[in-house]
Amino acid sequence: MDAEARRLLWRCRRGLKELDVLLERYARTALPHATSEERRTLERLLERPDPELAGYLLGGVRPEEADLAALIERILACRGAP
């Protein structure tokens, strides 16, 4: 992974195990081949507070922004990946 991808992966560590697992699994899978736009979208998502992220990833809440909603769906699709 390049430096930007490693920085984003580090930011996926939130301190709430459930969020950490989902975000890090997605990041390890997607970041190596992600476009700069996809990386910016992930960065915007990671700027959200933990309770908001938990709502998106664990509580079924959908972000209003279409690009963030699509990213949440991609992250959740990685749940079953090893």
PDB file of N, CA and C in Angstrom:
ATOM      1  N   MET A   1       0.843  -1.189   0.000  1.00  0.00           N
ATOM      2  CA  MET A   1       0.000   0.000   0.000  1.00  0.00           C
ATOM      3  C   MET A   1       0.884   1.246   0.000  1.00  0.00           C
ATOM      4  N   ASP A   2       0.411   2.266  -0.673  1.00  0.00           N
ATOM      5  CA  ASP A   2       1.136   3.530  -0.684  1.00  0.00           C
ATOM      6  C   ASP A   2       0.874   4.292   0.621  1.00  0.00           C
ATOM      7  N   ALA A   3       1.572   5.396   0.811  1.00  0.00           N
ATOM      8  CA  ALA A   3       1.495   6.155   2.065  1.00  0.00           C
ATOM      9  C   ALA A   3       0.080   6.663   2.349  1.00  0.00           C
ATOM     10  N   GLU A   4      -0.613   7.155   1.329  1.00  0.00           N
ATOM     11  CA  GLU A   4      -1.973   7.653   1.536  1.00  0.00           C
ATOM     12  C   GLU A   4      -2.899   6.524   1.985  1.00  0.00           C
ATOM     13  N   ALA A   5      -2.776   5.370   1.361  1.00  0.00           N
ATOM     14  CA  ALA A   5      -3.611   4.222   1.726  1.00  0.00           C
ATOM     15  C   ALA A   5      -3.313   3.784   3.163  1.00  0.00           C
ATOM     16  N   ARG A   6      -2.047   3.770   3.543  1.00  0.00           N
ATOM     17  CA  ARG A   6      -1.689   3.387   4.918  1.00  0.00           C
ATOM     18  C   ARG A   6      -2.251   4.391   5.922  1.00  0.00           C
ATOM     19  N   ARG A   7      -2.241   5.670   5.573  1.00  0.00           N
ATOM     20  CA  ARG A   7      -2.790   6.698   6.457  1.00  0.00           C
ATOM     21  C   ARG A   7      -4.299   6.496   6.635  1.00  0.00           C
ATOM     22  N   LEU A   8      -4.992   6.216   5.539  1.00  0.00           N
ATOM     23  CA  LEU A   8      -6.437   5.968   5.635  1.00  0.00           C
ATOM     24  C   LEU A   8      -6.725   4.702   6.435  1.00  0.00           C
ATOM     25  N   LEU A   9      -5.921   3.667   6.226  1.00  0.00           N
ATOM     26  CA  LEU A   9      -6.094   2.426   6.992  1.00  0.00           C
ATOM     27  C   LEU A   9      -5.934   2.717   8.479  1.00  0.00           C
ATOM     28  N   TRP A  10      -4.932   3.512   8.829  1.00  0.00           N
ATOM     29  CA  TRP A  10      -4.718   3.869  10.238  1.00  0.00           C
ATOM     30  C   TRP A  10      -5.936   4.603  10.792  1.00  0.00           C
ATOM     31  N   ARG A  11      -6.535   5.482  10.002  1.00  0.00           N
ATOM     32  CA  ARG A  11      -7.709   6.242  10.452  1.00  0.00           C
ATOM     33  C   ARG A  11      -8.936   5.347  10.634  1.00  0.00           C
ATOM     34  N   CYS A  12      -8.925   4.145  10.081  1.00  0.00           N
ATOM     35  CA  CYS A  12     -10.031   3.206  10.252  1.00  0.00           C
ATOM     36  C   CYS A  12     -10.076   2.628  11.664  1.00  0.00           C
ATOM     37  N   ARG A  13      -9.029   2.805  12.424  1.00  0.00           N
ATOM     38  CA  ARG A  13      -8.993   2.334  13.815  1.00  0.00           C
ATOM     39  C   ARG A  13      -9.721   3.344  14.676  1.00  0.00           C
ATOM     40  N   ARG A  14     -10.912   2.976  15.078  1.00  0.00           N
ATOM     41  CA  ARG A  14     -11.787   3.917  15.776  1.00  0.00           C
ATOM     42  C   ARG A  14     -11.853   3.673  17.271  1.00  0.00           C
ATOM     43  N   GLY A  15     -11.502   2.488  17.726  1.00  0.00           N
ATOM     44  CA  GLY A  15     -11.603   2.180  19.140  1.00  0.00           C
ATOM     45  C   GLY A  15     -12.857   1.403  19.498  1.00  0.00           C
ATOM     46  N   LEU A  16     -13.759   1.272  18.567  1.00  0.00           N
ATOM     47  CA  LEU A  16     -14.952   0.441  18.751  1.00  0.00           C
ATOM     48  C   LEU A  16     -14.743  -0.775  17.857  1.00  0.00           C
ATOM     49  N   LYS A  17     -14.566  -1.923  18.473  1.00  0.00           N
ATOM     50  CA  LYS A  17     -14.132  -3.110  17.740  1.00  0.00           C
ATOM     51  C   LYS A  17     -14.969  -3.391  16.500  1.00  0.00           C
ATOM     52  N   GLU A  18     -16.282  -3.270  16.611  1.00  0.00           N
ATOM     53  CA  GLU A  18     -17.148  -3.571  15.476  1.00  0.00           C
ATOM     54  C   GLU A  18     -16.850  -2.644  14.293  1.00  0.00           C
ATOM     55  N   LEU A  19     -16.651  -1.358  14.586  1.00  0.00           N
ATOM     56  CA  LEU A  19     -16.300  -0.415  13.519  1.00  0.00           C
ATOM     57  C   LEU A  19     -14.923  -0.726  12.960  1.00  0.00           C
ATOM     58  N   ASP A  20     -13.967  -1.001  13.848  1.00  0.00           N
ATOM     59  CA  ASP A  20     -12.607  -1.309  13.407  1.00  0.00           C
ATOM     60  C   ASP A  20     -12.593  -2.475  12.427  1.00  0.00           C
ATOM     61  N   VAL A  21     -13.302  -3.533  12.763  1.00  0.00           N
ATOM     62  CA  VAL A  21     -13.309  -4.733  11.917  1.00  0.00           C
ATOM     63  C   VAL A  21     -13.883  -4.411  10.543  1.00  0.00           C
ATOM     64  N   LEU A  22     -15.031  -3.763  10.507  1.00  0.00           N
ATOM     65  CA  LEU A  22     -15.669  -3.442   9.228  1.00  0.00           C
ATOM     66  C   LEU A  22     -14.821  -2.499   8.384  1.00  0.00           C
ATOM     67  N   LEU A  23     -14.365  -1.414   8.994  1.00  0.00           N
ATOM     68  CA  LEU A  23     -13.623  -0.405   8.245  1.00  0.00           C
ATOM     69  C   LEU A  23     -12.270  -0.920   7.775  1.00  0.00           C
ATOM     70  N   GLU A  24     -11.544  -1.614   8.654  1.00  0.00           N
ATOM     71  CA  GLU A  24     -10.220  -2.116   8.272  1.00  0.00           C
ATOM     72  C   GLU A  24     -10.329  -3.206   7.210  1.00  0.00           C
ATOM     73  N   ARG A  25     -11.317  -4.066   7.321  1.00  0.00           N
ATOM     74  CA  ARG A  25     -11.488  -5.112   6.311  1.00  0.00           C
ATOM     75  C   ARG A  25     -11.734  -4.487   4.941  1.00  0.00           C
ATOM     76  N   TYR A  26     -12.612  -3.502   4.908  1.00  0.00           N
ATOM     77  CA  TYR A  26     -12.886  -2.813   3.649  1.00  0.00           C
ATOM     78  C   TYR A  26     -11.622  -2.124   3.131  1.00  0.00           C
ATOM     79  N   ALA A  27     -10.950  -1.390   3.996  1.00  0.00           N
ATOM     80  CA  ALA A  27      -9.773  -0.623   3.581  1.00  0.00           C
ATOM     81  C   ALA A  27      -8.683  -1.533   3.023  1.00  0.00           C
ATOM     82  N   ARG A  28      -8.419  -2.630   3.681  1.00  0.00           N
ATOM     83  CA  ARG A  28      -7.374  -3.550   3.195  1.00  0.00           C
ATOM     84  C   ARG A  28      -7.730  -4.130   1.821  1.00  0.00           C
ATOM     85  N   THR A  29      -9.011  -4.318   1.576  1.00  0.00           N
ATOM     86  CA  THR A  29      -9.464  -4.869   0.303  1.00  0.00           C
ATOM     87  C   THR A  29      -9.502  -3.809  -0.801  1.00  0.00           C
ATOM     88  N   ALA A  30     -10.016  -2.645  -0.480  1.00  0.00           N
ATOM     89  CA  ALA A  30     -10.312  -1.650  -1.504  1.00  0.00           C
ATOM     90  C   ALA A  30      -9.208  -0.631  -1.772  1.00  0.00           C
ATOM     91  N   LEU A  31      -8.480  -0.233  -0.745  1.00  0.00           N
ATOM     92  CA  LEU A  31      -7.535   0.865  -0.916  1.00  0.00           C
ATOM     93  C   LEU A  31      -6.426   0.620  -1.934  1.00  0.00           C
ATOM     94  N   PRO A  32      -5.891  -0.582  -2.050  1.00  0.00           N
ATOM     95  CA  PRO A  32      -4.800  -0.755  -3.011  1.00  0.00           C
ATOM     96  C   PRO A  32      -5.162  -0.374  -4.446  1.00  0.00           C
ATOM     97  N   HIS A  33      -6.432  -0.493  -4.812  1.00  0.00           N
ATOM     98  CA  HIS A  33      -6.832  -0.178  -6.193  1.00  0.00           C
ATOM     99  C   HIS A  33      -7.885   0.934  -6.260  1.00  0.00           C
ATOM    100  N   ALA A  34      -8.108   1.646  -5.143  1.00  0.00           N
ATOM    101  CA  ALA A  34      -9.119   2.707  -5.098  1.00  0.00           C
ATOM    102  C   ALA A  34      -8.663   3.938  -5.875  1.00  0.00           C
ATOM    103  N   THR A  35      -9.622   4.589  -6.503  1.00  0.00           N
ATOM    104  CA  THR A  35      -9.340   5.840  -7.199  1.00  0.00           C
ATOM    105  C   THR A  35      -9.164   6.956  -6.162  1.00  0.00           C
ATOM    106  N   SER A  36      -8.663   8.092  -6.590  1.00  0.00           N
ATOM    107  CA  SER A  36      -8.505   9.215  -5.661  1.00  0.00           C
ATOM    108  C   SER A  36      -9.874   9.694  -5.169  1.00  0.00           C
ATOM    109  N   GLU A  37     -10.885   9.630  -6.012  1.00  0.00           N
ATOM    110  CA  GLU A  37     -12.234  10.015  -5.584  1.00  0.00           C
ATOM    111  C   GLU A  37     -12.768   9.060  -4.513  1.00  0.00           C
ATOM    112  N   GLU A  38     -12.550   7.763  -4.701  1.00  0.00           N
ATOM    113  CA  GLU A  38     -12.986   6.783  -3.695  1.00  0.00           C
ATOM    114  C   GLU A  38     -12.256   7.005  -2.378  1.00  0.00           C
ATOM    115  N   ARG A  39     -10.985   7.347  -2.453  1.00  0.00           N
ATOM    116  CA  ARG A  39     -10.227   7.620  -1.231  1.00  0.00           C
ATOM    117  C   ARG A  39     -10.728   8.878  -0.543  1.00  0.00           C
ATOM    118  N   ARG A  40     -11.067   9.905  -1.301  1.00  0.00           N
ATOM    119  CA  ARG A  40     -11.612  11.134  -0.702  1.00  0.00           C
ATOM    120  C   ARG A  40     -12.956  10.855  -0.030  1.00  0.00           C
ATOM    121  N   THR A  41     -13.760  10.004  -0.642  1.00  0.00           N
ATOM    122  CA  THR A  41     -15.054   9.659  -0.043  1.00  0.00           C
ATOM    123  C   THR A  41     -14.845   8.916   1.271  1.00  0.00           C
ATOM    124  N   LEU A  42     -13.908   7.977   1.293  1.00  0.00           N
ATOM    125  CA  LEU A  42     -13.600   7.272   2.539  1.00  0.00           C
ATOM    126  C   LEU A  42     -13.098   8.255   3.581  1.00  0.00           C
ATOM    127  N   GLU A  43     -12.250   9.172   3.183  1.00  0.00           N
ATOM    128  CA  GLU A  43     -11.736  10.165   4.125  1.00  0.00           C
ATOM    129  C   GLU A  43     -12.880  11.001   4.709  1.00  0.00           C
ATOM    130  N   ARG A  44     -13.820  11.401   3.877  1.00  0.00           N
ATOM    131  CA  ARG A  44     -14.989  12.152   4.369  1.00  0.00           C
ATOM    132  C   ARG A  44     -15.800  11.329   5.357  1.00  0.00           C
ATOM    133  N   LEU A  45     -15.954  10.042   5.061  1.00  0.00           N
ATOM    134  CA  LEU A  45     -16.689   9.174   5.974  1.00  0.00           C
ATOM    135  C   LEU A  45     -15.967   9.085   7.317  1.00  0.00           C
ATOM    136  N   LEU A  46     -14.658   8.952   7.275  1.00  0.00           N
ATOM    137  CA  LEU A  46     -13.879   8.804   8.507  1.00  0.00           C
ATOM    138  C   LEU A  46     -13.840  10.077   9.346  1.00  0.00           C
ATOM    139  N   GLU A  47     -14.260  11.196   8.779  1.00  0.00           N
ATOM    140  CA  GLU A  47     -14.349  12.444   9.538  1.00  0.00           C
ATOM    141  C   GLU A  47     -15.588  12.472  10.427  1.00  0.00           C
ATOM    142  N   ARG A  48     -16.518  11.564  10.175  1.00  0.00           N
ATOM    143  CA  ARG A  48     -17.752  11.513  10.958  1.00  0.00           C
ATOM    144  C   ARG A  48     -17.458  10.974  12.357  1.00  0.00           C
ATOM    145  N   PRO A  49     -18.219  11.417  13.358  1.00  0.00           N
ATOM    146  CA  PRO A  49     -18.024  10.896  14.723  1.00  0.00           C
ATOM    147  C   PRO A  49     -18.443   9.430  14.818  1.00  0.00           C
ATOM    148  N   ASP A  50     -17.854   8.737  15.781  1.00  0.00           N
ATOM    149  CA  ASP A  50     -18.116   7.307  15.946  1.00  0.00           C
ATOM    150  C   ASP A  50     -19.598   6.951  16.080  1.00  0.00           C
ATOM    151  N   PRO A  51     -20.390   7.684  16.862  1.00  0.00           N
ATOM    152  CA  PRO A  51     -21.815   7.314  16.951  1.00  0.00           C
ATOM    153  C   PRO A  51     -22.521   7.370  15.595  1.00  0.00           C
ATOM    154  N   GLU A  52     -22.141   8.337  14.765  1.00  0.00           N
ATOM    155  CA  GLU A  52     -22.739   8.438  13.437  1.00  0.00           C
ATOM    156  C   GLU A  52     -22.297   7.265  12.565  1.00  0.00           C
ATOM    157  N   LEU A  53     -20.999   6.931  12.616  1.00  0.00           N
ATOM    158  CA  LEU A  53     -20.500   5.771  11.859  1.00  0.00           C
ATOM    159  C   LEU A  53     -21.172   4.487  12.323  1.00  0.00           C
ATOM    160  N   ALA A  54     -21.341   4.343  13.620  1.00  0.00           N
ATOM    161  CA  ALA A  54     -22.008   3.146  14.149  1.00  0.00           C
ATOM    162  C   ALA A  54     -23.436   3.064  13.622  1.00  0.00           C
ATOM    163  N   GLY A  55     -24.110   4.187  13.546  1.00  0.00           N
ATOM    164  CA  GLY A  55     -25.465   4.187  12.992  1.00  0.00           C
ATOM    165  C   GLY A  55     -25.474   3.719  11.549  1.00  0.00           C
ATOM    166  N   TYR A  56     -24.509   4.190  10.771  1.00  0.00           N
ATOM    167  CA  TYR A  56     -24.424   3.797   9.365  1.00  0.00           C
ATOM    168  C   TYR A  56     -24.070   2.318   9.205  1.00  0.00           C
ATOM    169  N   LEU A  57     -23.083   1.866   9.954  1.00  0.00           N
ATOM    170  CA  LEU A  57     -22.531   0.523   9.726  1.00  0.00           C
ATOM    171  C   LEU A  57     -23.189  -0.564  10.565  1.00  0.00           C
ATOM    172  N   LEU A  58     -23.792  -0.187  11.681  1.00  0.00           N
ATOM    173  CA  LEU A  58     -24.365  -1.194  12.576  1.00  0.00           C
ATOM    174  C   LEU A  58     -25.861  -1.008  12.808  1.00  0.00           C
ATOM    175  N   GLY A  59     -26.354   0.210  12.569  1.00  0.00           N
ATOM    176  CA  GLY A  59     -27.732   0.507  12.921  1.00  0.00           C
ATOM    177  C   GLY A  59     -28.689   0.670  11.772  1.00  0.00           C
ATOM    178  N   GLY A  60     -28.211   0.505  10.548  1.00  0.00           N
ATOM    179  CA  GLY A  60     -29.102   0.606   9.406  1.00  0.00           C
ATOM    180  C   GLY A  60     -29.471   2.017   8.993  1.00  0.00           C
ATOM    181  N   VAL A  61     -28.803   3.020   9.545  1.00  0.00           N
ATOM    182  CA  VAL A  61     -29.048   4.406   9.152  1.00  0.00           C
ATOM    183  C   VAL A  61     -28.348   4.640   7.819  1.00  0.00           C
ATOM    184  N   ARG A  62     -28.981   5.402   6.949  1.00  0.00           N
ATOM    185  CA  ARG A  62     -28.415   5.677   5.621  1.00  0.00           C
ATOM    186  C   ARG A  62     -28.008   7.148   5.537  1.00  0.00           C
ATOM    187  N   PRO A  63     -26.752   7.421   5.142  1.00  0.00           N
ATOM    188  CA  PRO A  63     -26.347   8.822   4.980  1.00  0.00           C
ATOM    189  C   PRO A  63     -27.158   9.493   3.867  1.00  0.00           C
ATOM    190  N   GLU A  64     -27.338  10.785   3.975  1.00  0.00           N
ATOM    191  CA  GLU A  64     -28.071  11.525   2.951  1.00  0.00           C
ATOM    192  C   GLU A  64     -27.277  11.638   1.657  1.00  0.00           C
ATOM    193  N   GLU A  65     -25.957  11.756   1.760  1.00  0.00           N
ATOM    194  CA  GLU A  65     -25.108  11.899   0.580  1.00  0.00           C
ATOM    195  C   GLU A  65     -25.031  10.575  -0.170  1.00  0.00           C
ATOM    196  N   ALA A  66     -25.319  10.612  -1.451  1.00  0.00           N
ATOM    197  CA  ALA A  66     -25.367   9.385  -2.261  1.00  0.00           C
ATOM    198  C   ALA A  66     -24.024   8.672  -2.298  1.00  0.00           C
ATOM    199  N   ASP A  67     -22.917   9.421  -2.391  1.00  0.00           N
ATOM    200  CA  ASP A  67     -21.610   8.766  -2.461  1.00  0.00           C
ATOM    201  C   ASP A  67     -21.254   8.078  -1.151  1.00  0.00           C
ATOM    202  N   LEU A  68     -21.632   8.674  -0.020  1.00  0.00           N
ATOM    203  CA  LEU A  68     -21.382   8.027   1.269  1.00  0.00           C
ATOM    204  C   LEU A  68     -22.285   6.809   1.450  1.00  0.00           C
ATOM    205  N   ALA A  69     -23.523   6.909   1.000  1.00  0.00           N
ATOM    206  CA  ALA A  69     -24.437   5.763   1.098  1.00  0.00           C
ATOM    207  C   ALA A  69     -23.906   4.592   0.273  1.00  0.00           C
ATOM    208  N   ALA A  70     -23.389   4.881  -0.916  1.00  0.00           N
ATOM    209  CA  ALA A  70     -22.818   3.822  -1.758  1.00  0.00           C
ATOM    210  C   ALA A  70     -21.586   3.217  -1.098  1.00  0.00           C
ATOM    211  N   LEU A  71     -20.767   4.054  -0.462  1.00  0.00           N
ATOM    212  CA  LEU A  71     -19.582   3.545   0.235  1.00  0.00           C
ATOM    213  C   LEU A  71     -19.981   2.654   1.398  1.00  0.00           C
ATOM    214  N   ILE A  72     -20.980   3.053   2.155  1.00  0.00           N
ATOM    215  CA  ILE A  72     -21.465   2.231   3.267  1.00  0.00           C
ATOM    216  C   ILE A  72     -21.896   0.862   2.743  1.00  0.00           C
ATOM    217  N   GLU A  73     -22.586   0.841   1.632  1.00  0.00           N
ATOM    218  CA  GLU A  73     -23.019  -0.443   1.056  1.00  0.00           C
ATOM    219  C   GLU A  73     -21.822  -1.303   0.674  1.00  0.00           C
ATOM    220  N   ARG A  74     -20.774  -0.690   0.113  1.00  0.00           N
ATOM    221  CA  ARG A  74     -19.567  -1.453  -0.239  1.00  0.00           C
ATOM    222  C   ARG A  74     -18.861  -1.979   1.005  1.00  0.00           C
ATOM    223  N   ILE A  75     -18.822  -1.166   2.052  1.00  0.00           N
ATOM    224  CA  ILE A  75     -18.191  -1.608   3.299  1.00  0.00           C
ATOM    225  C   ILE A  75     -18.970  -2.786   3.874  1.00  0.00           C
ATOM    226  N   LEU A  76     -20.282  -2.671   3.910  1.00  0.00           N
ATOM    227  CA  LEU A  76     -21.097  -3.754   4.454  1.00  0.00           C
ATOM    228  C   LEU A  76     -21.011  -5.016   3.614  1.00  0.00           C
ATOM    229  N   ALA A  77     -20.788  -4.873   2.321  1.00  0.00           N
ATOM    230  CA  ALA A  77     -20.647  -6.035   1.443  1.00  0.00           C
ATOM    231  C   ALA A  77     -19.375  -6.813   1.758  1.00  0.00           C
ATOM    232  N   CYS A  78     -18.404  -6.174   2.389  1.00  0.00           N
ATOM    233  CA  CYS A  78     -17.141  -6.836   2.761  1.00  0.00           C
ATOM    234  C   CYS A  78     -17.256  -7.620   4.058  1.00  0.00           C
ATOM    235  N   ARG A  79     -18.402  -7.554   4.728  1.00  0.00           N
ATOM    236  CA  ARG A  79     -18.559  -8.240   6.025  1.00  0.00           C
ATOM    237  C   ARG A  79     -18.200  -9.701   5.983  1.00  0.00           C
ATOM    238  N   GLY A  80     -18.596 -10.364   4.932  1.00  0.00           N
ATOM    239  CA  GLY A  80     -18.366 -11.795   4.854  1.00  0.00           C
ATOM    240  C   GLY A  80     -16.981 -12.172   4.371  1.00  0.00           C
ATOM    241  N   ALA A  81     -16.211 -11.179   3.916  1.00  0.00           N
ATOM    242  CA  ALA A  81     -14.859 -11.463   3.405  1.00  0.00           C
ATOM    243  C   ALA A  81     -13.929 -11.820   4.554  1.00  0.00           C
ATOM    244  N   PRO A  82     -12.939 -12.682   4.290  1.00  0.00           N
ATOM    245  CA  PRO A  82     -12.006 -13.062   5.378  1.00  0.00           C
ATOM    246  C   PRO A  82     -11.112 -11.925   5.772  1.00  0.00           C
TER     247      PRO A  82
END
